[in-house]
Amino acid sequence: QINADLIAYLEDLSCLNFADSEKAQ
């Protein structure tokens, strides 16, 4: 399941920051 927690985890792993619209996409 792709959820906000997983996206935040991937964001942290990749050292990237995404805007909310980018996170949804």
PDBML (XML) file of the C-alpha atoms, coordinates in Angstrom:
<?xml version="1.0" encoding="UTF-8" ?>
<PDBx:datablock datablockName="MODEL"
   xmlns:PDBx="http://pdbml.pdb.org/schema/pdbx-v50.xsd"
   xmlns:xsi="http://www.w3.org/2001/XMLSchema-instance"
   xsi:schemaLocation="http://pdbml.pdb.org/schema/pdbx-v50.xsd pdbx-v50.xsd">
   <PDBx:atom_siteCategory>
      <PDBx:atom_site id="1">
         <PDBx:B_iso_or_equiv>0.00</PDBx:B_iso_or_equiv>
         <PDBx:Cartn_x>0.000</PDBx:Cartn_x>
         <PDBx:Cartn_y>0.000</PDBx:Cartn_y>
         <PDBx:Cartn_z>0.000</PDBx:Cartn_z>
         <PDBx:auth_asym_id>A</PDBx:auth_asym_id>
         <PDBx:auth_atom_id>CA</PDBx:auth_atom_id>
         <PDBx:auth_comp_id>GLN</PDBx:auth_comp_id>
         <PDBx:auth_seq_id>1</PDBx:auth_seq_id>
         <PDBx:group_PDB>ATOM</PDBx:group_PDB>
         <PDBx:label_alt_id xsi:nil="true" />
         <PDBx:label_asym_id>A</PDBx:label_asym_id>
         <PDBx:label_atom_id>CA</PDBx:label_atom_id>
         <PDBx:label_comp_id>GLN</PDBx:label_comp_id>
         <PDBx:label_entity_id>1</PDBx:label_entity_id>
         <PDBx:label_seq_id>1</PDBx:label_seq_id>
         <PDBx:occupancy>1.00</PDBx:occupancy>
         <PDBx:pdbx_PDB_model_num>1</PDBx:pdbx_PDB_model_num>
         <PDBx:type_symbol>C</PDBx:type_symbol>
      </PDBx:atom_site>
      <PDBx:atom_site id="2">
         <PDBx:B_iso_or_equiv>0.00</PDBx:B_iso_or_equiv>
         <PDBx:Cartn_x>1.389</PDBx:Cartn_x>
         <PDBx:Cartn_y>3.381</PDBx:Cartn_y>
         <PDBx:Cartn_z>-1.037</PDBx:Cartn_z>
         <PDBx:auth_asym_id>A</PDBx:auth_asym_id>
         <PDBx:auth_atom_id>CA</PDBx:auth_atom_id>
         <PDBx:auth_comp_id>ILE</PDBx:auth_comp_id>
         <PDBx:auth_seq_id>2</PDBx:auth_seq_id>
         <PDBx:group_PDB>ATOM</PDBx:group_PDB>
         <PDBx:label_alt_id xsi:nil="true" />
         <PDBx:label_asym_id>A</PDBx:label_asym_id>
         <PDBx:label_atom_id>CA</PDBx:label_atom_id>
         <PDBx:label_comp_id>ILE</PDBx:label_comp_id>
         <PDBx:label_entity_id>1</PDBx:label_entity_id>
         <PDBx:label_seq_id>2</PDBx:label_seq_id>
         <PDBx:occupancy>1.00</PDBx:occupancy>
         <PDBx:pdbx_PDB_model_num>1</PDBx:pdbx_PDB_model_num>
         <PDBx:type_symbol>C</PDBx:type_symbol>
      </PDBx:atom_site>
      <PDBx:atom_site id="3">
         <PDBx:B_iso_or_equiv>0.00</PDBx:B_iso_or_equiv>
         <PDBx:Cartn_x>0.545</PDBx:Cartn_x>
         <PDBx:Cartn_y>5.883</PDBx:Cartn_y>
         <PDBx:Cartn_z>1.693</PDBx:Cartn_z>
         <PDBx:auth_asym_id>A</PDBx:auth_asym_id>
         <PDBx:auth_atom_id>CA</PDBx:auth_atom_id>
         <PDBx:auth_comp_id>ASN</PDBx:auth_comp_id>
         <PDBx:auth_seq_id>3</PDBx:auth_seq_id>
         <PDBx:group_PDB>ATOM</PDBx:group_PDB>
         <PDBx:label_alt_id xsi:nil="true" />
         <PDBx:label_asym_id>A</PDBx:label_asym_id>
         <PDBx:label_atom_id>CA</PDBx:label_atom_id>
         <PDBx:label_comp_id>ASN</PDBx:label_comp_id>
         <PDBx:label_entity_id>1</PDBx:label_entity_id>
         <PDBx:label_seq_id>3</PDBx:label_seq_id>
         <PDBx:occupancy>1.00</PDBx:occupancy>
         <PDBx:pdbx_PDB_model_num>1</PDBx:pdbx_PDB_model_num>
         <PDBx:type_symbol>C</PDBx:type_symbol>
      </PDBx:atom_site>
      <PDBx:atom_site id="4">
         <PDBx:B_iso_or_equiv>0.00</PDBx:B_iso_or_equiv>
         <PDBx:Cartn_x>1.889</PDBx:Cartn_x>
         <PDBx:Cartn_y>9.150</PDBx:Cartn_y>
         <PDBx:Cartn_z>3.108</PDBx:Cartn_z>
         <PDBx:auth_asym_id>A</PDBx:auth_asym_id>
         <PDBx:auth_atom_id>CA</PDBx:auth_atom_id>
         <PDBx:auth_comp_id>ALA</PDBx:auth_comp_id>
         <PDBx:auth_seq_id>4</PDBx:auth_seq_id>
         <PDBx:group_PDB>ATOM</PDBx:group_PDB>
         <PDBx:label_alt_id xsi:nil="true" />
         <PDBx:label_asym_id>A</PDBx:label_asym_id>
         <PDBx:label_atom_id>CA</PDBx:label_atom_id>
         <PDBx:label_comp_id>ALA</PDBx:label_comp_id>
         <PDBx:label_entity_id>1</PDBx:label_entity_id>
         <PDBx:label_seq_id>4</PDBx:label_seq_id>
         <PDBx:occupancy>1.00</PDBx:occupancy>
         <PDBx:pdbx_PDB_model_num>1</PDBx:pdbx_PDB_model_num>
         <PDBx:type_symbol>C</PDBx:type_symbol>
      </PDBx:atom_site>
      <PDBx:atom_site id="5">
         <PDBx:B_iso_or_equiv>0.00</PDBx:B_iso_or_equiv>
         <PDBx:Cartn_x>4.157</PDBx:Cartn_x>
         <PDBx:Cartn_y>7.315</PDBx:Cartn_y>
         <PDBx:Cartn_z>5.555</PDBx:Cartn_z>
         <PDBx:auth_asym_id>A</PDBx:auth_asym_id>
         <PDBx:auth_atom_id>CA</PDBx:auth_atom_id>
         <PDBx:auth_comp_id>ASP</PDBx:auth_comp_id>
         <PDBx:auth_seq_id>5</PDBx:auth_seq_id>
         <PDBx:group_PDB>ATOM</PDBx:group_PDB>
         <PDBx:label_alt_id xsi:nil="true" />
         <PDBx:label_asym_id>A</PDBx:label_asym_id>
         <PDBx:label_atom_id>CA</PDBx:label_atom_id>
         <PDBx:label_comp_id>ASP</PDBx:label_comp_id>
         <PDBx:label_entity_id>1</PDBx:label_entity_id>
         <PDBx:label_seq_id>5</PDBx:label_seq_id>
         <PDBx:occupancy>1.00</PDBx:occupancy>
         <PDBx:pdbx_PDB_model_num>1</PDBx:pdbx_PDB_model_num>
         <PDBx:type_symbol>C</PDBx:type_symbol>
      </PDBx:atom_site>
      <PDBx:atom_site id="6">
         <PDBx:B_iso_or_equiv>0.00</PDBx:B_iso_or_equiv>
         <PDBx:Cartn_x>5.821</PDBx:Cartn_x>
         <PDBx:Cartn_y>5.346</PDBx:Cartn_y>
         <PDBx:Cartn_z>2.762</PDBx:Cartn_z>
         <PDBx:auth_asym_id>A</PDBx:auth_asym_id>
         <PDBx:auth_atom_id>CA</PDBx:auth_atom_id>
         <PDBx:auth_comp_id>LEU</PDBx:auth_comp_id>
         <PDBx:auth_seq_id>6</PDBx:auth_seq_id>
         <PDBx:group_PDB>ATOM</PDBx:group_PDB>
         <PDBx:label_alt_id xsi:nil="true" />
         <PDBx:label_asym_id>A</PDBx:label_asym_id>
         <PDBx:label_atom_id>CA</PDBx:label_atom_id>
         <PDBx:label_comp_id>LEU</PDBx:label_comp_id>
         <PDBx:label_entity_id>1</PDBx:label_entity_id>
         <PDBx:label_seq_id>6</PDBx:label_seq_id>
         <PDBx:occupancy>1.00</PDBx:occupancy>
         <PDBx:pdbx_PDB_model_num>1</PDBx:pdbx_PDB_model_num>
         <PDBx:type_symbol>C</PDBx:type_symbol>
      </PDBx:atom_site>
      <PDBx:atom_site id="7">
         <PDBx:B_iso_or_equiv>0.00</PDBx:B_iso_or_equiv>
         <PDBx:Cartn_x>6.263</PDBx:Cartn_x>
         <PDBx:Cartn_y>8.475</PDBx:Cartn_y>
         <PDBx:Cartn_z>0.641</PDBx:Cartn_z>
         <PDBx:auth_asym_id>A</PDBx:auth_asym_id>
         <PDBx:auth_atom_id>CA</PDBx:auth_atom_id>
         <PDBx:auth_comp_id>ILE</PDBx:auth_comp_id>
         <PDBx:auth_seq_id>7</PDBx:auth_seq_id>
         <PDBx:group_PDB>ATOM</PDBx:group_PDB>
         <PDBx:label_alt_id xsi:nil="true" />
         <PDBx:label_asym_id>A</PDBx:label_asym_id>
         <PDBx:label_atom_id>CA</PDBx:label_atom_id>
         <PDBx:label_comp_id>ILE</PDBx:label_comp_id>
         <PDBx:label_entity_id>1</PDBx:label_entity_id>
         <PDBx:label_seq_id>7</PDBx:label_seq_id>
         <PDBx:occupancy>1.00</PDBx:occupancy>
         <PDBx:pdbx_PDB_model_num>1</PDBx:pdbx_PDB_model_num>
         <PDBx:type_symbol>C</PDBx:type_symbol>
      </PDBx:atom_site>
      <PDBx:atom_site id="8">
         <PDBx:B_iso_or_equiv>0.00</PDBx:B_iso_or_equiv>
         <PDBx:Cartn_x>7.820</PDBx:Cartn_x>
         <PDBx:Cartn_y>10.268</PDBx:Cartn_y>
         <PDBx:Cartn_z>3.640</PDBx:Cartn_z>
         <PDBx:auth_asym_id>A</PDBx:auth_asym_id>
         <PDBx:auth_atom_id>CA</PDBx:auth_atom_id>
         <PDBx:auth_comp_id>ALA</PDBx:auth_comp_id>
         <PDBx:auth_seq_id>8</PDBx:auth_seq_id>
         <PDBx:group_PDB>ATOM</PDBx:group_PDB>
         <PDBx:label_alt_id xsi:nil="true" />
         <PDBx:label_asym_id>A</PDBx:label_asym_id>
         <PDBx:label_atom_id>CA</PDBx:label_atom_id>
         <PDBx:label_comp_id>ALA</PDBx:label_comp_id>
         <PDBx:label_entity_id>1</PDBx:label_entity_id>
         <PDBx:label_seq_id>8</PDBx:label_seq_id>
         <PDBx:occupancy>1.00</PDBx:occupancy>
         <PDBx:pdbx_PDB_model_num>1</PDBx:pdbx_PDB_model_num>
         <PDBx:type_symbol>C</PDBx:type_symbol>
      </PDBx:atom_site>
      <PDBx:atom_site id="9">
         <PDBx:B_iso_or_equiv>0.00</PDBx:B_iso_or_equiv>
         <PDBx:Cartn_x>10.131</PDBx:Cartn_x>
         <PDBx:Cartn_y>7.293</PDBx:Cartn_y>
         <PDBx:Cartn_z>4.192</PDBx:Cartn_z>
         <PDBx:auth_asym_id>A</PDBx:auth_asym_id>
         <PDBx:auth_atom_id>CA</PDBx:auth_atom_id>
         <PDBx:auth_comp_id>TYR</PDBx:auth_comp_id>
         <PDBx:auth_seq_id>9</PDBx:auth_seq_id>
         <PDBx:group_PDB>ATOM</PDBx:group_PDB>
         <PDBx:label_alt_id xsi:nil="true" />
         <PDBx:label_asym_id>A</PDBx:label_asym_id>
         <PDBx:label_atom_id>CA</PDBx:label_atom_id>
         <PDBx:label_comp_id>TYR</PDBx:label_comp_id>
         <PDBx:label_entity_id>1</PDBx:label_entity_id>
         <PDBx:label_seq_id>9</PDBx:label_seq_id>
         <PDBx:occupancy>1.00</PDBx:occupancy>
         <PDBx:pdbx_PDB_model_num>1</PDBx:pdbx_PDB_model_num>
         <PDBx:type_symbol>C</PDBx:type_symbol>
      </PDBx:atom_site>
      <PDBx:atom_site id="10">
         <PDBx:B_iso_or_equiv>0.00</PDBx:B_iso_or_equiv>
         <PDBx:Cartn_x>11.192</PDBx:Cartn_x>
         <PDBx:Cartn_y>7.269</PDBx:Cartn_y>
         <PDBx:Cartn_z>0.524</PDBx:Cartn_z>
         <PDBx:auth_asym_id>A</PDBx:auth_asym_id>
         <PDBx:auth_atom_id>CA</PDBx:auth_atom_id>
         <PDBx:auth_comp_id>LEU</PDBx:auth_comp_id>
         <PDBx:auth_seq_id>10</PDBx:auth_seq_id>
         <PDBx:group_PDB>ATOM</PDBx:group_PDB>
         <PDBx:label_alt_id xsi:nil="true" />
         <PDBx:label_asym_id>A</PDBx:label_asym_id>
         <PDBx:label_atom_id>CA</PDBx:label_atom_id>
         <PDBx:label_comp_id>LEU</PDBx:label_comp_id>
         <PDBx:label_entity_id>1</PDBx:label_entity_id>
         <PDBx:label_seq_id>10</PDBx:label_seq_id>
         <PDBx:occupancy>1.00</PDBx:occupancy>
         <PDBx:pdbx_PDB_model_num>1</PDBx:pdbx_PDB_model_num>
         <PDBx:type_symbol>C</PDBx:type_symbol>
      </PDBx:atom_site>
      <PDBx:atom_site id="11">
         <PDBx:B_iso_or_equiv>0.00</PDBx:B_iso_or_equiv>
         <PDBx:Cartn_x>11.670</PDBx:Cartn_x>
         <PDBx:Cartn_y>11.025</PDBx:Cartn_y>
         <PDBx:Cartn_z>0.672</PDBx:Cartn_z>
         <PDBx:auth_asym_id>A</PDBx:auth_asym_id>
         <PDBx:auth_atom_id>CA</PDBx:auth_atom_id>
         <PDBx:auth_comp_id>GLU</PDBx:auth_comp_id>
         <PDBx:auth_seq_id>11</PDBx:auth_seq_id>
         <PDBx:group_PDB>ATOM</PDBx:group_PDB>
         <PDBx:label_alt_id xsi:nil="true" />
         <PDBx:label_asym_id>A</PDBx:label_asym_id>
         <PDBx:label_atom_id>CA</PDBx:label_atom_id>
         <PDBx:label_comp_id>GLU</PDBx:label_comp_id>
         <PDBx:label_entity_id>1</PDBx:label_entity_id>
         <PDBx:label_seq_id>11</PDBx:label_seq_id>
         <PDBx:occupancy>1.00</PDBx:occupancy>
         <PDBx:pdbx_PDB_model_num>1</PDBx:pdbx_PDB_model_num>
         <PDBx:type_symbol>C</PDBx:type_symbol>
      </PDBx:atom_site>
      <PDBx:atom_site id="12">
         <PDBx:B_iso_or_equiv>0.00</PDBx:B_iso_or_equiv>
         <PDBx:Cartn_x>13.995</PDBx:Cartn_x>
         <PDBx:Cartn_y>10.581</PDBx:Cartn_y>
         <PDBx:Cartn_z>3.647</PDBx:Cartn_z>
         <PDBx:auth_asym_id>A</PDBx:auth_asym_id>
         <PDBx:auth_atom_id>CA</PDBx:auth_atom_id>
         <PDBx:auth_comp_id>ASP</PDBx:auth_comp_id>
         <PDBx:auth_seq_id>12</PDBx:auth_seq_id>
         <PDBx:group_PDB>ATOM</PDBx:group_PDB>
         <PDBx:label_alt_id xsi:nil="true" />
         <PDBx:label_asym_id>A</PDBx:label_asym_id>
         <PDBx:label_atom_id>CA</PDBx:label_atom_id>
         <PDBx:label_comp_id>ASP</PDBx:label_comp_id>
         <PDBx:label_entity_id>1</PDBx:label_entity_id>
         <PDBx:label_seq_id>12</PDBx:label_seq_id>
         <PDBx:occupancy>1.00</PDBx:occupancy>
         <PDBx:pdbx_PDB_model_num>1</PDBx:pdbx_PDB_model_num>
         <PDBx:type_symbol>C</PDBx:type_symbol>
      </PDBx:atom_site>
      <PDBx:atom_site id="13">
         <PDBx:B_iso_or_equiv>0.00</PDBx:B_iso_or_equiv>
         <PDBx:Cartn_x>15.904</PDBx:Cartn_x>
         <PDBx:Cartn_y>7.707</PDBx:Cartn_y>
         <PDBx:Cartn_z>2.011</PDBx:Cartn_z>
         <PDBx:auth_asym_id>A</PDBx:auth_asym_id>
         <PDBx:auth_atom_id>CA</PDBx:auth_atom_id>
         <PDBx:auth_comp_id>LEU</PDBx:auth_comp_id>
         <PDBx:auth_seq_id>13</PDBx:auth_seq_id>
         <PDBx:group_PDB>ATOM</PDBx:group_PDB>
         <PDBx:label_alt_id xsi:nil="true" />
         <PDBx:label_asym_id>A</PDBx:label_asym_id>
         <PDBx:label_atom_id>CA</PDBx:label_atom_id>
         <PDBx:label_comp_id>LEU</PDBx:label_comp_id>
         <PDBx:label_entity_id>1</PDBx:label_entity_id>
         <PDBx:label_seq_id>13</PDBx:label_seq_id>
         <PDBx:occupancy>1.00</PDBx:occupancy>
         <PDBx:pdbx_PDB_model_num>1</PDBx:pdbx_PDB_model_num>
         <PDBx:type_symbol>C</PDBx:type_symbol>
      </PDBx:atom_site>
      <PDBx:atom_site id="14">
         <PDBx:B_iso_or_equiv>0.00</PDBx:B_iso_or_equiv>
         <PDBx:Cartn_x>16.466</PDBx:Cartn_x>
         <PDBx:Cartn_y>9.631</PDBx:Cartn_y>
         <PDBx:Cartn_z>-1.201</PDBx:Cartn_z>
         <PDBx:auth_asym_id>A</PDBx:auth_asym_id>
         <PDBx:auth_atom_id>CA</PDBx:auth_atom_id>
         <PDBx:auth_comp_id>SER</PDBx:auth_comp_id>
         <PDBx:auth_seq_id>14</PDBx:auth_seq_id>
         <PDBx:group_PDB>ATOM</PDBx:group_PDB>
         <PDBx:label_alt_id xsi:nil="true" />
         <PDBx:label_asym_id>A</PDBx:label_asym_id>
         <PDBx:label_atom_id>CA</PDBx:label_atom_id>
         <PDBx:label_comp_id>SER</PDBx:label_comp_id>
         <PDBx:label_entity_id>1</PDBx:label_entity_id>
         <PDBx:label_seq_id>14</PDBx:label_seq_id>
         <PDBx:occupancy>1.00</PDBx:occupancy>
         <PDBx:pdbx_PDB_model_num>1</PDBx:pdbx_PDB_model_num>
         <PDBx:type_symbol>C</PDBx:type_symbol>
      </PDBx:atom_site>
      <PDBx:atom_site id="15">
         <PDBx:B_iso_or_equiv>0.00</PDBx:B_iso_or_equiv>
         <PDBx:Cartn_x>17.268</PDBx:Cartn_x>
         <PDBx:Cartn_y>12.938</PDBx:Cartn_y>
         <PDBx:Cartn_z>0.571</PDBx:Cartn_z>
         <PDBx:auth_asym_id>A</PDBx:auth_asym_id>
         <PDBx:auth_atom_id>CA</PDBx:auth_atom_id>
         <PDBx:auth_comp_id>CYS</PDBx:auth_comp_id>
         <PDBx:auth_seq_id>15</PDBx:auth_seq_id>
         <PDBx:group_PDB>ATOM</PDBx:group_PDB>
         <PDBx:label_alt_id xsi:nil="true" />
         <PDBx:label_asym_id>A</PDBx:label_asym_id>
         <PDBx:label_atom_id>CA</PDBx:label_atom_id>
         <PDBx:label_comp_id>CYS</PDBx:label_comp_id>
         <PDBx:label_entity_id>1</PDBx:label_entity_id>
         <PDBx:label_seq_id>15</PDBx:label_seq_id>
         <PDBx:occupancy>1.00</PDBx:occupancy>
         <PDBx:pdbx_PDB_model_num>1</PDBx:pdbx_PDB_model_num>
         <PDBx:type_symbol>C</PDBx:type_symbol>
      </PDBx:atom_site>
      <PDBx:atom_site id="16">
         <PDBx:B_iso_or_equiv>0.00</PDBx:B_iso_or_equiv>
         <PDBx:Cartn_x>14.641</PDBx:Cartn_x>
         <PDBx:Cartn_y>14.641</PDBx:Cartn_y>
         <PDBx:Cartn_z>-1.584</PDBx:Cartn_z>
         <PDBx:auth_asym_id>A</PDBx:auth_asym_id>
         <PDBx:auth_atom_id>CA</PDBx:auth_atom_id>
         <PDBx:auth_comp_id>LEU</PDBx:auth_comp_id>
         <PDBx:auth_seq_id>16</PDBx:auth_seq_id>
         <PDBx:group_PDB>ATOM</PDBx:group_PDB>
         <PDBx:label_alt_id xsi:nil="true" />
         <PDBx:label_asym_id>A</PDBx:label_asym_id>
         <PDBx:label_atom_id>CA</PDBx:label_atom_id>
         <PDBx:label_comp_id>LEU</PDBx:label_comp_id>
         <PDBx:label_entity_id>1</PDBx:label_entity_id>
         <PDBx:label_seq_id>16</PDBx:label_seq_id>
         <PDBx:occupancy>1.00</PDBx:occupancy>
         <PDBx:pdbx_PDB_model_num>1</PDBx:pdbx_PDB_model_num>
         <PDBx:type_symbol>C</PDBx:type_symbol>
      </PDBx:atom_site>
      <PDBx:atom_site id="17">
         <PDBx:B_iso_or_equiv>0.00</PDBx:B_iso_or_equiv>
         <PDBx:Cartn_x>11.808</PDBx:Cartn_x>
         <PDBx:Cartn_y>16.963</PDBx:Cartn_y>
         <PDBx:Cartn_z>-0.635</PDBx:Cartn_z>
         <PDBx:auth_asym_id>A</PDBx:auth_asym_id>
         <PDBx:auth_atom_id>CA</PDBx:auth_atom_id>
         <PDBx:auth_comp_id>ASN</PDBx:auth_comp_id>
         <PDBx:auth_seq_id>17</PDBx:auth_seq_id>
         <PDBx:group_PDB>ATOM</PDBx:group_PDB>
         <PDBx:label_alt_id xsi:nil="true" />
         <PDBx:label_asym_id>A</PDBx:label_asym_id>
         <PDBx:label_atom_id>CA</PDBx:label_atom_id>
         <PDBx:label_comp_id>ASN</PDBx:label_comp_id>
         <PDBx:label_entity_id>1</PDBx:label_entity_id>
         <PDBx:label_seq_id>17</PDBx:label_seq_id>
         <PDBx:occupancy>1.00</PDBx:occupancy>
         <PDBx:pdbx_PDB_model_num>1</PDBx:pdbx_PDB_model_num>
         <PDBx:type_symbol>C</PDBx:type_symbol>
      </PDBx:atom_site>
      <PDBx:atom_site id="18">
         <PDBx:B_iso_or_equiv>0.00</PDBx:B_iso_or_equiv>
         <PDBx:Cartn_x>8.562</PDBx:Cartn_x>
         <PDBx:Cartn_y>16.872</PDBx:Cartn_y>
         <PDBx:Cartn_z>-2.584</PDBx:Cartn_z>
         <PDBx:auth_asym_id>A</PDBx:auth_asym_id>
         <PDBx:auth_atom_id>CA</PDBx:auth_atom_id>
         <PDBx:auth_comp_id>PHE</PDBx:auth_comp_id>
         <PDBx:auth_seq_id>18</PDBx:auth_seq_id>
         <PDBx:group_PDB>ATOM</PDBx:group_PDB>
         <PDBx:label_alt_id xsi:nil="true" />
         <PDBx:label_asym_id>A</PDBx:label_asym_id>
         <PDBx:label_atom_id>CA</PDBx:label_atom_id>
         <PDBx:label_comp_id>PHE</PDBx:label_comp_id>
         <PDBx:label_entity_id>1</PDBx:label_entity_id>
         <PDBx:label_seq_id>18</PDBx:label_seq_id>
         <PDBx:occupancy>1.00</PDBx:occupancy>
         <PDBx:pdbx_PDB_model_num>1</PDBx:pdbx_PDB_model_num>
         <PDBx:type_symbol>C</PDBx:type_symbol>
      </PDBx:atom_site>
      <PDBx:atom_site id="19">
         <PDBx:B_iso_or_equiv>0.00</PDBx:B_iso_or_equiv>
         <PDBx:Cartn_x>5.684</PDBx:Cartn_x>
         <PDBx:Cartn_y>19.334</PDBx:Cartn_y>
         <PDBx:Cartn_z>-2.672</PDBx:Cartn_z>
         <PDBx:auth_asym_id>A</PDBx:auth_asym_id>
         <PDBx:auth_atom_id>CA</PDBx:auth_atom_id>
         <PDBx:auth_comp_id>ALA</PDBx:auth_comp_id>
         <PDBx:auth_seq_id>19</PDBx:auth_seq_id>
         <PDBx:group_PDB>ATOM</PDBx:group_PDB>
         <PDBx:label_alt_id xsi:nil="true" />
         <PDBx:label_asym_id>A</PDBx:label_asym_id>
         <PDBx:label_atom_id>CA</PDBx:label_atom_id>
         <PDBx:label_comp_id>ALA</PDBx:label_comp_id>
         <PDBx:label_entity_id>1</PDBx:label_entity_id>
         <PDBx:label_seq_id>19</PDBx:label_seq_id>
         <PDBx:occupancy>1.00</PDBx:occupancy>
         <PDBx:pdbx_PDB_model_num>1</PDBx:pdbx_PDB_model_num>
         <PDBx:type_symbol>C</PDBx:type_symbol>
      </PDBx:atom_site>
      <PDBx:atom_site id="20">
         <PDBx:B_iso_or_equiv>0.00</PDBx:B_iso_or_equiv>
         <PDBx:Cartn_x>2.269</PDBx:Cartn_x>
         <PDBx:Cartn_y>17.964</PDBx:Cartn_y>
         <PDBx:Cartn_z>-1.653</PDBx:Cartn_z>
         <PDBx:auth_asym_id>A</PDBx:auth_asym_id>
         <PDBx:auth_atom_id>CA</PDBx:auth_atom_id>
         <PDBx:auth_comp_id>ASP</PDBx:auth_comp_id>
         <PDBx:auth_seq_id>20</PDBx:auth_seq_id>
         <PDBx:group_PDB>ATOM</PDBx:group_PDB>
         <PDBx:label_alt_id xsi:nil="true" />
         <PDBx:label_asym_id>A</PDBx:label_asym_id>
         <PDBx:label_atom_id>CA</PDBx:label_atom_id>
         <PDBx:label_comp_id>ASP</PDBx:label_comp_id>
         <PDBx:label_entity_id>1</PDBx:label_entity_id>
         <PDBx:label_seq_id>20</PDBx:label_seq_id>
         <PDBx:occupancy>1.00</PDBx:occupancy>
         <PDBx:pdbx_PDB_model_num>1</PDBx:pdbx_PDB_model_num>
         <PDBx:type_symbol>C</PDBx:type_symbol>
      </PDBx:atom_site>
      <PDBx:atom_site id="21">
         <PDBx:B_iso_or_equiv>0.00</PDBx:B_iso_or_equiv>
         <PDBx:Cartn_x>1.139</PDBx:Cartn_x>
         <PDBx:Cartn_y>17.848</PDBx:Cartn_y>
         <PDBx:Cartn_z>-5.296</PDBx:Cartn_z>
         <PDBx:auth_asym_id>A</PDBx:auth_asym_id>
         <PDBx:auth_atom_id>CA</PDBx:auth_atom_id>
         <PDBx:auth_comp_id>SER</PDBx:auth_comp_id>
         <PDBx:auth_seq_id>21</PDBx:auth_seq_id>
         <PDBx:group_PDB>ATOM</PDBx:group_PDB>
         <PDBx:label_alt_id xsi:nil="true" />
         <PDBx:label_asym_id>A</PDBx:label_asym_id>
         <PDBx:label_atom_id>CA</PDBx:label_atom_id>
         <PDBx:label_comp_id>SER</PDBx:label_comp_id>
         <PDBx:label_entity_id>1</PDBx:label_entity_id>
         <PDBx:label_seq_id>21</PDBx:label_seq_id>
         <PDBx:occupancy>1.00</PDBx:occupancy>
         <PDBx:pdbx_PDB_model_num>1</PDBx:pdbx_PDB_model_num>
         <PDBx:type_symbol>C</PDBx:type_symbol>
      </PDBx:atom_site>
      <PDBx:atom_site id="22">
         <PDBx:B_iso_or_equiv>0.00</PDBx:B_iso_or_equiv>
         <PDBx:Cartn_x>4.311</PDBx:Cartn_x>
         <PDBx:Cartn_y>15.939</PDBx:Cartn_y>
         <PDBx:Cartn_z>-6.219</PDBx:Cartn_z>
         <PDBx:auth_asym_id>A</PDBx:auth_asym_id>
         <PDBx:auth_atom_id>CA</PDBx:auth_atom_id>
         <PDBx:auth_comp_id>GLU</PDBx:auth_comp_id>
         <PDBx:auth_seq_id>22</PDBx:auth_seq_id>
         <PDBx:group_PDB>ATOM</PDBx:group_PDB>
         <PDBx:label_alt_id xsi:nil="true" />
         <PDBx:label_asym_id>A</PDBx:label_asym_id>
         <PDBx:label_atom_id>CA</PDBx:label_atom_id>
         <PDBx:label_comp_id>GLU</PDBx:label_comp_id>
         <PDBx:label_entity_id>1</PDBx:label_entity_id>
         <PDBx:label_seq_id>22</PDBx:label_seq_id>
         <PDBx:occupancy>1.00</PDBx:occupancy>
         <PDBx:pdbx_PDB_model_num>1</PDBx:pdbx_PDB_model_num>
         <PDBx:type_symbol>C</PDBx:type_symbol>
      </PDBx:atom_site>
      <PDBx:atom_site id="23">
         <PDBx:B_iso_or_equiv>0.00</PDBx:B_iso_or_equiv>
         <PDBx:Cartn_x>3.736</PDBx:Cartn_x>
         <PDBx:Cartn_y>13.484</PDBx:Cartn_y>
         <PDBx:Cartn_z>-3.374</PDBx:Cartn_z>
         <PDBx:auth_asym_id>A</PDBx:auth_asym_id>
         <PDBx:auth_atom_id>CA</PDBx:auth_atom_id>
         <PDBx:auth_comp_id>LYS</PDBx:auth_comp_id>
         <PDBx:auth_seq_id>23</PDBx:auth_seq_id>
         <PDBx:group_PDB>ATOM</PDBx:group_PDB>
         <PDBx:label_alt_id xsi:nil="true" />
         <PDBx:label_asym_id>A</PDBx:label_asym_id>
         <PDBx:label_atom_id>CA</PDBx:label_atom_id>
         <PDBx:label_comp_id>LYS</PDBx:label_comp_id>
         <PDBx:label_entity_id>1</PDBx:label_entity_id>
         <PDBx:label_seq_id>23</PDBx:label_seq_id>
         <PDBx:occupancy>1.00</PDBx:occupancy>
         <PDBx:pdbx_PDB_model_num>1</PDBx:pdbx_PDB_model_num>
         <PDBx:type_symbol>C</PDBx:type_symbol>
      </PDBx:atom_site>
      <PDBx:atom_site id="24">
         <PDBx:B_iso_or_equiv>0.00</PDBx:B_iso_or_equiv>
         <PDBx:Cartn_x>0.255</PDBx:Cartn_x>
         <PDBx:Cartn_y>12.711</PDBx:Cartn_y>
         <PDBx:Cartn_z>-4.683</PDBx:Cartn_z>
         <PDBx:auth_asym_id>A</PDBx:auth_asym_id>
         <PDBx:auth_atom_id>CA</PDBx:auth_atom_id>
         <PDBx:auth_comp_id>ALA</PDBx:auth_comp_id>
         <PDBx:auth_seq_id>24</PDBx:auth_seq_id>
         <PDBx:group_PDB>ATOM</PDBx:group_PDB>
         <PDBx:label_alt_id xsi:nil="true" />
         <PDBx:label_asym_id>A</PDBx:label_asym_id>
         <PDBx:label_atom_id>CA</PDBx:label_atom_id>
         <PDBx:label_comp_id>ALA</PDBx:label_comp_id>
         <PDBx:label_entity_id>1</PDBx:label_entity_id>
         <PDBx:label_seq_id>24</PDBx:label_seq_id>
         <PDBx:occupancy>1.00</PDBx:occupancy>
         <PDBx:pdbx_PDB_model_num>1</PDBx:pdbx_PDB_model_num>
         <PDBx:type_symbol>C</PDBx:type_symbol>
      </PDBx:atom_site>
      <PDBx:atom_site id="25">
         <PDBx:B_iso_or_equiv>0.00</PDBx:B_iso_or_equiv>
         <PDBx:Cartn_x>1.581</PDBx:Cartn_x>
         <PDBx:Cartn_y>12.178</PDBx:Cartn_y>
         <PDBx:Cartn_z>-8.213</PDBx:Cartn_z>
         <PDBx:auth_asym_id>A</PDBx:auth_asym_id>
         <PDBx:auth_atom_id>CA</PDBx:auth_atom_id>
         <PDBx:auth_comp_id>GLN</PDBx:auth_comp_id>
         <PDBx:auth_seq_id>25</PDBx:auth_seq_id>
         <PDBx:group_PDB>ATOM</PDBx:group_PDB>
         <PDBx:label_alt_id xsi:nil="true" />
         <PDBx:label_asym_id>A</PDBx:label_asym_id>
         <PDBx:label_atom_id>CA</PDBx:label_atom_id>
         <PDBx:label_comp_id>GLN</PDBx:label_comp_id>
         <PDBx:label_entity_id>1</PDBx:label_entity_id>
         <PDBx:label_seq_id>25</PDBx:label_seq_id>
         <PDBx:occupancy>1.00</PDBx:occupancy>
         <PDBx:pdbx_PDB_model_num>1</PDBx:pdbx_PDB_model_num>
         <PDBx:type_symbol>C</PDBx:type_symbol>
      </PDBx:atom_site>
   </PDBx:atom_siteCategory>
</PDBx:datablock>
